[in-house]
C-alpha atoms as a PDB file:
ATOM      1  CA  UNK A   1      38.063 -10.610 -27.212  1.00  0.00           C
ATOM      2  CA  UNK A   2      36.365 -10.019 -30.523  1.00  0.00           C
ATOM      3  CA  UNK A   3      33.586  -8.333 -28.618  1.00  0.00           C
ATOM      4  CA  UNK A   4      36.029  -6.212 -26.744  1.00  0.00           C
ATOM      5  CA  UNK A   5      37.481  -4.813 -30.005  1.00  0.00           C
ATOM      6  CA  UNK A   6      34.108  -3.321 -30.740  1.00  0.00           C
ATOM      7  CA  UNK A   7      33.801  -1.698 -27.317  1.00  0.00           C
ATOM      8  CA  UNK A   8      36.155   1.109 -28.082  1.00  0.00           C
ATOM      9  CA  UNK A   9      35.724   4.458 -26.279  1.00  0.00           C
ATOM     10  CA  UNK A  10      35.203   6.454 -29.451  1.00  0.00           C
ATOM     11  CA  UNK A  11      32.143   4.356 -30.261  1.00  0.00           C
ATOM     12  CA  UNK A  12      30.365   5.909 -27.253  1.00  0.00           C
ATOM     13  CA  UNK A  13      31.618   9.531 -27.663  1.00  0.00           C
ATOM     14  CA  UNK A  14      28.326  10.821 -29.137  1.00  0.00           C
ATOM     15  CA  UNK A  15      26.164   8.801 -26.735  1.00  0.00           C
ATOM     16  CA  UNK A  16      28.119  10.037 -23.731  1.00  0.00           C
ATOM     17  CA  UNK A  17      27.904  13.631 -24.881  1.00  0.00           C
ATOM     18  CA  UNK A  18      24.173  13.239 -25.568  1.00  0.00           C
ATOM     19  CA  UNK A  19      23.365  11.845 -22.143  1.00  0.00           C
ATOM     20  CA  UNK A  20      25.441  14.474 -20.293  1.00  0.00           C
ATOM     21  CA  UNK A  21      23.812  17.240 -22.307  1.00  0.00           C
ATOM     22  CA  UNK A  22      20.334  15.846 -21.907  1.00  0.00           C
ATOM     23  CA  UNK A  23      20.588  15.588 -18.085  1.00  0.00           C
ATOM     24  CA  UNK A  24      22.188  18.924 -17.871  1.00  0.00           C
ATOM     25  CA  UNK A  25      19.237  20.349 -19.734  1.00  0.00           C
ATOM     26  CA  UNK A  26      16.892  18.659 -17.376  1.00  0.00           C
ATOM     27  CA  UNK A  27      18.488  19.820 -14.081  1.00  0.00           C
ATOM     28  CA  UNK A  28      19.154  23.365 -15.313  1.00  0.00           C
ATOM     29  CA  UNK A  29      15.752  23.825 -16.854  1.00  0.00           C
ATOM     30  CA  UNK A  30      12.973  25.823 -15.211  1.00  0.00           C
ATOM     31  CA  UNK A  31      10.342  23.205 -14.265  1.00  0.00           C
ATOM     32  CA  UNK A  32       7.596  25.792 -14.452  1.00  0.00           C
ATOM     33  CA  UNK A  33       8.741  26.810 -17.879  1.00  0.00           C
ATOM     34  CA  UNK A  34       8.877  23.194 -19.025  1.00  0.00           C
ATOM     35  CA  UNK A  35       5.318  22.576 -17.826  1.00  0.00           C
ATOM     36  CA  UNK A  36       4.003  25.649 -19.657  1.00  0.00           C
ATOM     37  CA  UNK A  37       5.680  24.473 -22.873  1.00  0.00           C
ATOM     38  CA  UNK A  38       4.372  20.893 -22.800  1.00  0.00           C
ATOM     39  CA  UNK A  39       1.656  19.841 -25.119  1.00  0.00           C
ATOM     40  CA  UNK A  40      -1.899  18.889 -24.276  1.00  0.00           C
ATOM     41  CA  UNK A  41      -1.056  15.129 -24.137  1.00  0.00           C
ATOM     42  CA  UNK A  42       1.667  15.668 -21.609  1.00  0.00           C
ATOM     43  CA  UNK A  43      -0.478  17.998 -19.528  1.00  0.00           C
ATOM     44  CA  UNK A  44      -3.255  15.403 -19.438  1.00  0.00           C
ATOM     45  CA  UNK A  45      -0.733  12.717 -18.362  1.00  0.00           C
ATOM     46  CA  UNK A  46       0.608  14.971 -15.665  1.00  0.00           C
ATOM     47  CA  UNK A  47      -2.889  15.676 -14.416  1.00  0.00           C
ATOM     48  CA  UNK A  48      -3.759  11.964 -14.220  1.00  0.00           C
ATOM     49  CA  UNK A  49      -0.486  11.274 -12.320  1.00  0.00           C
ATOM     50  CA  UNK A  50      -1.228  14.111  -9.969  1.00  0.00           C
ATOM     51  CA  UNK A  51      -4.740  12.648  -9.173  1.00  0.00           C
ATOM     52  CA  UNK A  52      -3.159   9.209  -8.593  1.00  0.00           C
ATOM     53  CA  UNK A  53      -0.526  10.735  -6.247  1.00  0.00           C
ATOM     54  CA  UNK A  54      -3.022  12.790  -4.310  1.00  0.00           C
ATOM     55  CA  UNK A  55      -5.352   9.904  -3.664  1.00  0.00           C
ATOM     56  CA  UNK A  56      -2.443   7.551  -2.894  1.00  0.00           C
ATOM     57  CA  UNK A  57      -1.014   9.957  -0.251  1.00  0.00           C
ATOM     58  CA  UNK A  58      -4.453  10.405   1.262  1.00  0.00           C
ATOM     59  CA  UNK A  59      -4.743   6.624   1.461  1.00  0.00           C
ATOM     60  CA  UNK A  60      -1.193   6.313   2.919  1.00  0.00           C
ATOM     61  CA  UNK A  61      -1.916   8.855   5.606  1.00  0.00           C
ATOM     62  CA  UNK A  62      -5.238   7.230   6.467  1.00  0.00           C
ATOM     63  CA  UNK A  63      -3.670   3.803   6.736  1.00  0.00           C
ATOM     64  CA  UNK A  64      -0.773   5.028   8.860  1.00  0.00           C
ATOM     65  CA  UNK A  65      -3.231   6.516  11.346  1.00  0.00           C
ATOM     66  CA  UNK A  66      -5.395   3.360  11.278  1.00  0.00           C
ATOM     67  CA  UNK A  67      -2.582   0.948  11.871  1.00  0.00           C
ATOM     68  CA  UNK A  68      -1.257   3.090  14.714  1.00  0.00           C
ATOM     69  CA  UNK A  69      -4.694   3.179  16.315  1.00  0.00           C
ATOM     70  CA  UNK A  70      -5.135  -0.608  15.849  1.00  0.00           C
ATOM     71  CA  UNK A  71      -1.757  -1.198  17.495  1.00  0.00           C
ATOM     72  CA  UNK A  72      -2.517   0.958  20.559  1.00  0.00           C
ATOM     73  CA  UNK A  73      -6.116  -0.459  20.998  1.00  0.00           C
ATOM     74  CA  UNK A  74      -4.961  -4.052  20.502  1.00  0.00           C
ATOM     75  CA  UNK A  75      -2.140  -3.882  22.961  1.00  0.00           C
ATOM     76  CA  UNK A  76      -4.497  -2.327  25.529  1.00  0.00           C
ATOM     77  CA  UNK A  77      -7.139  -5.019  24.939  1.00  0.00           C
ATOM     78  CA  UNK A  78      -4.670  -7.961  25.102  1.00  0.00           C
ATOM     79  CA  UNK A  79      -3.135  -6.670  28.334  1.00  0.00           C
ATOM     80  CA  UNK A  80      -6.538  -6.423  29.952  1.00  0.00           C
ATOM     81  CA  UNK A  81      -7.739  -9.670  28.655  1.00  0.00           C
ATOM     82  CA  UNK A  82      -4.652 -11.709  29.774  1.00  0.00           C
ATOM     83  CA  UNK A  83      -4.494  -9.938  33.126  1.00  0.00           C
ATOM     84  CA  UNK A  84      -8.001 -11.161  34.001  1.00  0.00           C
ATOM     85  CA  UNK A  85      -7.339 -14.751  32.934  1.00  0.00           C
ATOM     86  CA  UNK A  86     -10.968 -15.408  32.008  1.00  0.00           C
ATOM     87  CA  UNK A  87     -13.090 -15.690  28.943  1.00  0.00           C
ATOM     88  CA  UNK A  88     -16.153 -14.057  30.392  1.00  0.00           C
ATOM     89  CA  UNK A  89     -14.532 -10.676  30.878  1.00  0.00           C
ATOM     90  CA  UNK A  90     -16.986  -7.698  30.431  1.00  0.00           C
ATOM     91  CA  UNK A  91     -14.119  -5.192  30.815  1.00  0.00           C
ATOM     92  CA  UNK A  92     -12.361  -6.566  27.744  1.00  0.00           C
ATOM     93  CA  UNK A  93     -15.403  -5.760  25.641  1.00  0.00           C
ATOM     94  CA  UNK A  94     -15.000  -2.097  26.461  1.00  0.00           C
ATOM     95  CA  UNK A  95     -12.039  -1.846  24.132  1.00  0.00           C
ATOM     96  CA  UNK A  96     -14.223  -1.089  21.138  1.00  0.00           C
ATOM     97  CA  UNK A  97     -12.551  -0.634  17.776  1.00  0.00           C
ATOM     98  CA  UNK A  98      -9.825  -3.189  18.190  1.00  0.00           C
ATOM     99  CA  UNK A  99      -9.909  -6.160  15.893  1.00  0.00           C
ATOM    100  CA  UNK A 100      -9.204  -8.407  18.845  1.00  0.00           C
ATOM    101  CA  UNK A 101     -12.213  -7.014  20.638  1.00  0.00           C
ATOM    102  CA  UNK A 102     -14.420  -7.767  17.681  1.00  0.00           C
ATOM    103  CA  UNK A 103     -13.122 -11.352  17.454  1.00  0.00           C
ATOM    104  CA  UNK A 104     -13.535 -11.819  21.213  1.00  0.00           C
ATOM    105  CA  UNK A 105     -17.088 -10.484  21.053  1.00  0.00           C
ATOM    106  CA  UNK A 106     -18.051 -12.885  18.257  1.00  0.00           C
ATOM    107  CA  UNK A 107     -16.807 -15.826  20.156  1.00  0.00           C
ATOM    108  CA  UNK A 108     -18.257 -14.749  23.534  1.00  0.00           C
ATOM    109  CA  UNK A 109     -21.702 -14.144  21.941  1.00  0.00           C
ATOM    110  CA  UNK A 110     -21.638 -17.665  20.436  1.00  0.00           C
ATOM    111  CA  UNK A 111     -20.602 -19.082  23.841  1.00  0.00           C
ATOM    112  CA  UNK A 112     -23.444 -17.219  25.558  1.00  0.00           C
ATOM    113  CA  UNK A 113     -25.910 -18.482  23.029  1.00  0.00           C
ATOM    114  CA  UNK A 114     -24.944 -22.047  23.893  1.00  0.00           C
ATOM    115  CA  UNK A 115     -24.480 -21.947  27.738  1.00  0.00           C
ATOM    116  CA  UNK A 116     -25.853 -18.592  28.878  1.00  0.00           C
ATOM    117  CA  UNK A 117     -23.862 -16.673  31.442  1.00  0.00           C
ATOM    118  CA  UNK A 118     -20.516 -18.362  32.378  1.00  0.00           C
ATOM    119  CA  UNK A 119     -19.012 -16.062  34.809  1.00  0.00           C
ATOM    120  CA  UNK A 120     -21.188 -16.582  37.944  1.00  0.00           C
ATOM    121  CA  UNK A 121     -22.346 -20.156  37.530  1.00  0.00           C
ATOM    122  CA  UNK A 122     -20.350 -22.565  39.736  1.00  0.00           C
ATOM    123  CA  UNK A 123     -21.421 -25.559  37.662  1.00  0.00           C
ATOM    124  CA  UNK A 124     -21.438 -24.407  34.079  1.00  0.00           C
ATOM    125  CA  UNK A 125     -23.461 -26.494  31.634  1.00  0.00           C
ATOM    126  CA  UNK A 126     -22.020 -28.685  28.946  1.00  0.00           C
ATOM    127  CA  UNK A 127     -20.763 -26.841  25.923  1.00  0.00           C
ATOM    128  CA  UNK A 128     -22.674 -27.892  22.905  1.00  0.00           C
ATOM    129  CA  UNK A 129     -20.078 -27.064  20.211  1.00  0.00           C
ATOM    130  CA  UNK A 130     -16.610 -25.683  20.675  1.00  0.00           C
ATOM    131  CA  UNK A 131     -16.162 -25.705  16.938  1.00  0.00           C
ATOM    132  CA  UNK A 132     -19.012 -23.228  16.595  1.00  0.00           C
ATOM    133  CA  UNK A 133     -17.249 -20.805  18.883  1.00  0.00           C
ATOM    134  CA  UNK A 134     -13.968 -21.185  17.019  1.00  0.00           C
ATOM    135  CA  UNK A 135     -15.773 -20.682  13.622  1.00  0.00           C
ATOM    136  CA  UNK A 136     -17.490 -17.539  14.907  1.00  0.00           C
ATOM    137  CA  UNK A 137     -14.137 -16.083  15.830  1.00  0.00           C
ATOM    138  CA  UNK A 138     -12.489 -17.088  12.609  1.00  0.00           C
ATOM    139  CA  UNK A 139     -15.281 -15.438  10.582  1.00  0.00           C
ATOM    140  CA  UNK A 140     -14.948 -12.229  12.685  1.00  0.00           C
ATOM    141  CA  UNK A 141     -11.220 -12.325  12.147  1.00  0.00           C
ATOM    142  CA  UNK A 142     -11.630 -12.611   8.382  1.00  0.00           C
ATOM    143  CA  UNK A 143     -13.988  -9.730   8.427  1.00  0.00           C
ATOM    144  CA  UNK A 144     -11.482  -7.567  10.380  1.00  0.00           C
ATOM    145  CA  UNK A 145      -8.666  -8.398   7.966  1.00  0.00           C
ATOM    146  CA  UNK A 146     -10.858  -7.419   4.982  1.00  0.00           C
ATOM    147  CA  UNK A 147     -11.774  -4.151   6.659  1.00  0.00           C
ATOM    148  CA  UNK A 148      -8.119  -3.315   7.289  1.00  0.00           C
ATOM    149  CA  UNK A 149      -7.166  -4.255   3.755  1.00  0.00           C
ATOM    150  CA  UNK A 150      -9.823  -1.992   2.254  1.00  0.00           C
ATOM    151  CA  UNK A 151      -8.281   0.554  -0.147  1.00  0.00           C
ATOM    152  CA  UNK A 152      -4.815  -1.061  -0.361  1.00  0.00           C
ATOM    153  CA  UNK A 153      -5.582  -2.164  -3.912  1.00  0.00           C
ATOM    154  CA  UNK A 154      -5.352   1.456  -4.939  1.00  0.00           C
ATOM    155  CA  UNK A 155      -1.744   1.678  -3.805  1.00  0.00           C
ATOM    156  CA  UNK A 156      -0.978  -1.468  -5.692  1.00  0.00           C
ATOM    157  CA  UNK A 157      -2.597  -0.070  -8.811  1.00  0.00           C
ATOM    158  CA  UNK A 158      -0.792   3.230  -8.449  1.00  0.00           C
ATOM    159  CA  UNK A 159       2.579   1.548  -8.094  1.00  0.00           C
ATOM    160  CA  UNK A 160       2.084  -0.652 -11.150  1.00  0.00           C
ATOM    161  CA  UNK A 161       0.227   1.754 -13.535  1.00  0.00           C
ATOM    162  CA  UNK A 162       1.680   5.234 -13.051  1.00  0.00           C
ATOM    163  CA  UNK A 163       5.222   4.394 -14.399  1.00  0.00           C
ATOM    164  CA  UNK A 164       3.636   3.238 -17.653  1.00  0.00           C
ATOM    165  CA  UNK A 165       1.398   6.351 -17.791  1.00  0.00           C
ATOM    166  CA  UNK A 166       4.483   8.461 -17.374  1.00  0.00           C
ATOM    167  CA  UNK A 167       6.327   6.435 -20.023  1.00  0.00           C
ATOM    168  CA  UNK A 168       3.401   6.990 -22.411  1.00  0.00           C
ATOM    169  CA  UNK A 169       3.749  10.727 -21.902  1.00  0.00           C
ATOM    170  CA  UNK A 170       7.516  10.445 -22.520  1.00  0.00           C
ATOM    171  CA  UNK A 171       7.189   8.510 -25.726  1.00  0.00           C
ATOM    172  CA  UNK A 172       4.567  10.877 -26.973  1.00  0.00           C
ATOM    173  CA  UNK A 173       6.730  13.882 -26.141  1.00  0.00           C
ATOM    174  CA  UNK A 174       9.745  12.337 -27.882  1.00  0.00           C
ATOM    175  CA  UNK A 175       7.715  11.671 -31.037  1.00  0.00           C
ATOM    176  CA  UNK A 176       6.447  15.231 -30.888  1.00  0.00           C
ATOM    177  CA  UNK A 177      10.011  16.539 -30.410  1.00  0.00           C
ATOM    178  CA  UNK A 178      11.396  14.679 -33.357  1.00  0.00           C
ATOM    179  CA  UNK A 179       8.424  15.607 -35.496  1.00  0.00           C
ATOM    180  CA  UNK A 180       9.098  19.288 -34.757  1.00  0.00           C
ATOM    181  CA  UNK A 181      12.786  18.684 -35.432  1.00  0.00           C
ATOM    182  CA  UNK A 182      11.951  17.324 -38.818  1.00  0.00           C
ATOM    183  CA  UNK A 183       9.627  20.151 -39.783  1.00  0.00           C
ATOM    184  CA  UNK A 184      12.202  22.756 -38.615  1.00  0.00           C
ATOM    185  CA  UNK A 185      14.978  21.115 -40.676  1.00  0.00           C
ATOM    186  CA  UNK A 186      17.453  21.397 -37.779  1.00  0.00           C
ATOM    187  CA  UNK A 187      19.537  18.394 -36.733  1.00  0.00           C
ATOM    188  CA  UNK A 188      21.646  19.760 -33.895  1.00  0.00           C
ATOM    189  CA  UNK A 189      21.742  18.235 -30.443  1.00  0.00           C
ATOM    190  CA  UNK A 190      20.671  21.487 -28.819  1.00  0.00           C
ATOM    191  CA  UNK A 191      17.556  21.542 -30.944  1.00  0.00           C
ATOM    192  CA  UNK A 192      16.159  18.155 -29.792  1.00  0.00           C
ATOM    193  CA  UNK A 193      17.403  18.083 -26.234  1.00  0.00           C
ATOM    194  CA  UNK A 194      14.922  20.524 -24.687  1.00  0.00           C
ATOM    195  CA  UNK A 195      11.952  18.681 -26.246  1.00  0.00           C
ATOM    196  CA  UNK A 196      13.265  15.381 -24.804  1.00  0.00           C
ATOM    197  CA  UNK A 197      13.777  16.981 -21.431  1.00  0.00           C
ATOM    198  CA  UNK A 198      10.190  18.164 -21.451  1.00  0.00           C
ATOM    199  CA  UNK A 199       9.034  14.655 -22.375  1.00  0.00           C
ATOM    200  CA  UNK A 200      11.027  13.096 -19.518  1.00  0.00           C
ATOM    201  CA  UNK A 201       9.110  15.088 -16.995  1.00  0.00           C
ATOM    202  CA  UNK A 202       6.191  12.716 -17.301  1.00  0.00           C
ATOM    203  CA  UNK A 203       8.365   9.758 -16.541  1.00  0.00           C
ATOM    204  CA  UNK A 204       9.764  11.464 -13.410  1.00  0.00           C
ATOM    205  CA  UNK A 205       6.227  12.277 -12.364  1.00  0.00           C
ATOM    206  CA  UNK A 206       5.157   8.657 -12.879  1.00  0.00           C
ATOM    207  CA  UNK A 207       8.021   7.400 -10.757  1.00  0.00           C
ATOM    208  CA  UNK A 208       7.316  10.068  -8.080  1.00  0.00           C
ATOM    209  CA  UNK A 209       3.733   8.687  -7.818  1.00  0.00           C
ATOM    210  CA  UNK A 210       4.742   5.007  -7.991  1.00  0.00           C
ATOM    211  CA  UNK A 211       7.624   4.811  -5.522  1.00  0.00           C
ATOM    212  CA  UNK A 212       5.801   5.868  -2.379  1.00  0.00           C
ATOM    213  CA  UNK A 213       2.821   3.802  -3.292  1.00  0.00           C
ATOM    214  CA  UNK A 214       4.889   0.635  -3.660  1.00  0.00           C
ATOM    215  CA  UNK A 215       6.906   1.280  -0.458  1.00  0.00           C
ATOM    216  CA  UNK A 216       3.852   1.796   1.762  1.00  0.00           C
ATOM    217  CA  UNK A 217       1.806  -0.945   0.085  1.00  0.00           C
ATOM    218  CA  UNK A 218       4.479  -3.487   0.982  1.00  0.00           C
ATOM    219  CA  UNK A 219       4.682  -2.111   4.541  1.00  0.00           C
ATOM    220  CA  UNK A 220       0.901  -2.237   4.930  1.00  0.00           C
ATOM    221  CA  UNK A 221       0.677  -5.646   3.480  1.00  0.00           C
ATOM    222  CA  UNK A 222       3.150  -6.884   6.083  1.00  0.00           C
ATOM    223  CA  UNK A 223       1.138  -5.223   8.782  1.00  0.00           C
ATOM    224  CA  UNK A 224      -2.051  -7.045   7.585  1.00  0.00           C
ATOM    225  CA  UNK A 225      -0.299 -10.365   7.581  1.00  0.00           C
ATOM    226  CA  UNK A 226       1.049  -9.742  11.100  1.00  0.00           C
ATOM    227  CA  UNK A 227      -2.414  -8.764  12.316  1.00  0.00           C
ATOM    228  CA  UNK A 228      -4.030 -11.866  10.671  1.00  0.00           C
ATOM    229  CA  UNK A 229      -1.431 -14.148  12.354  1.00  0.00           C
ATOM    230  CA  UNK A 230      -1.999 -12.517  15.768  1.00  0.00           C
ATOM    231  CA  UNK A 231      -5.780 -12.883  15.362  1.00  0.00           C
ATOM    232  CA  UNK A 232      -5.334 -16.590  14.589  1.00  0.00           C
ATOM    233  CA  UNK A 233      -3.123 -16.949  17.675  1.00  0.00           C
ATOM    234  CA  UNK A 234      -5.718 -15.162  19.774  1.00  0.00           C
ATOM    235  CA  UNK A 235      -8.543 -17.381  18.496  1.00  0.00           C
ATOM    236  CA  UNK A 236      -6.544 -20.428  19.521  1.00  0.00           C
ATOM    237  CA  UNK A 237      -5.960 -18.821  22.960  1.00  0.00           C
ATOM    238  CA  UNK A 238      -9.592 -18.177  23.575  1.00  0.00           C
ATOM    239  CA  UNK A 239     -10.609 -21.596  22.276  1.00  0.00           C
ATOM    240  CA  UNK A 240      -8.179 -23.209  24.697  1.00  0.00           C
ATOM    241  CA  UNK A 241      -9.658 -21.215  27.625  1.00  0.00           C
ATOM    242  CA  UNK A 242     -13.126 -22.180  26.676  1.00  0.00           C
ATOM    243  CA  UNK A 243     -12.271 -25.896  26.314  1.00  0.00           C
ATOM    244  CA  UNK A 244     -10.502 -25.816  29.702  1.00  0.00           C
ATOM    245  CA  UNK A 245     -13.491 -24.116  31.365  1.00  0.00           C
ATOM    246  CA  UNK A 246     -16.041 -26.625  30.080  1.00  0.00           C
ATOM    247  CA  UNK A 247     -14.065 -29.853  30.324  1.00  0.00           C
END
């Protein structure tokens, strides 16, 4: 209760008026005018954030197209592979570009190196090492996952760094605004609010660059995990077929 006595409405009158006036200034201000009035530090911060945002969106669009293409090619490959019910399936190799095709090719090449052709021989020779076939497919799977993950670290960097870059610009702008206020000798709210509004533009720009990067990074990370799990399952499926064929 002693704390509540200090939380009286009149204690927050100035703060409430300040916040309302500040955000009113931001939303009513001409963004182009604000950008032309910003200092060289704020402009440099905005330029850096713009570069981060452009590269991030280019990466996002590239990854969206890549994951869509992988999904279509993989579904086509798996339908064809499972419809033939055989490991030695030349038609399945025609689905170039799919991670599943690359994993299948790695295992099939190792299988051929051990036993030669397996599709037309009624009495296939003894398999030397099933583990070698499995390892070949696992290595190919790891290579495909690394290829798909390439570039995603930029999105993570953008999502974690750009808010702090924007905050740096805001802090610098607030310091500059209060320094100008002190030199002018004015102490009114209307004198300091426009400068703070200009400074907050860099924070908004930092968040605008970070939010899409974080959202799509998490989505792409989940896509990579799903792909890795499916590749592991496919490796087990092919290994089981090879073991059944040579036992």
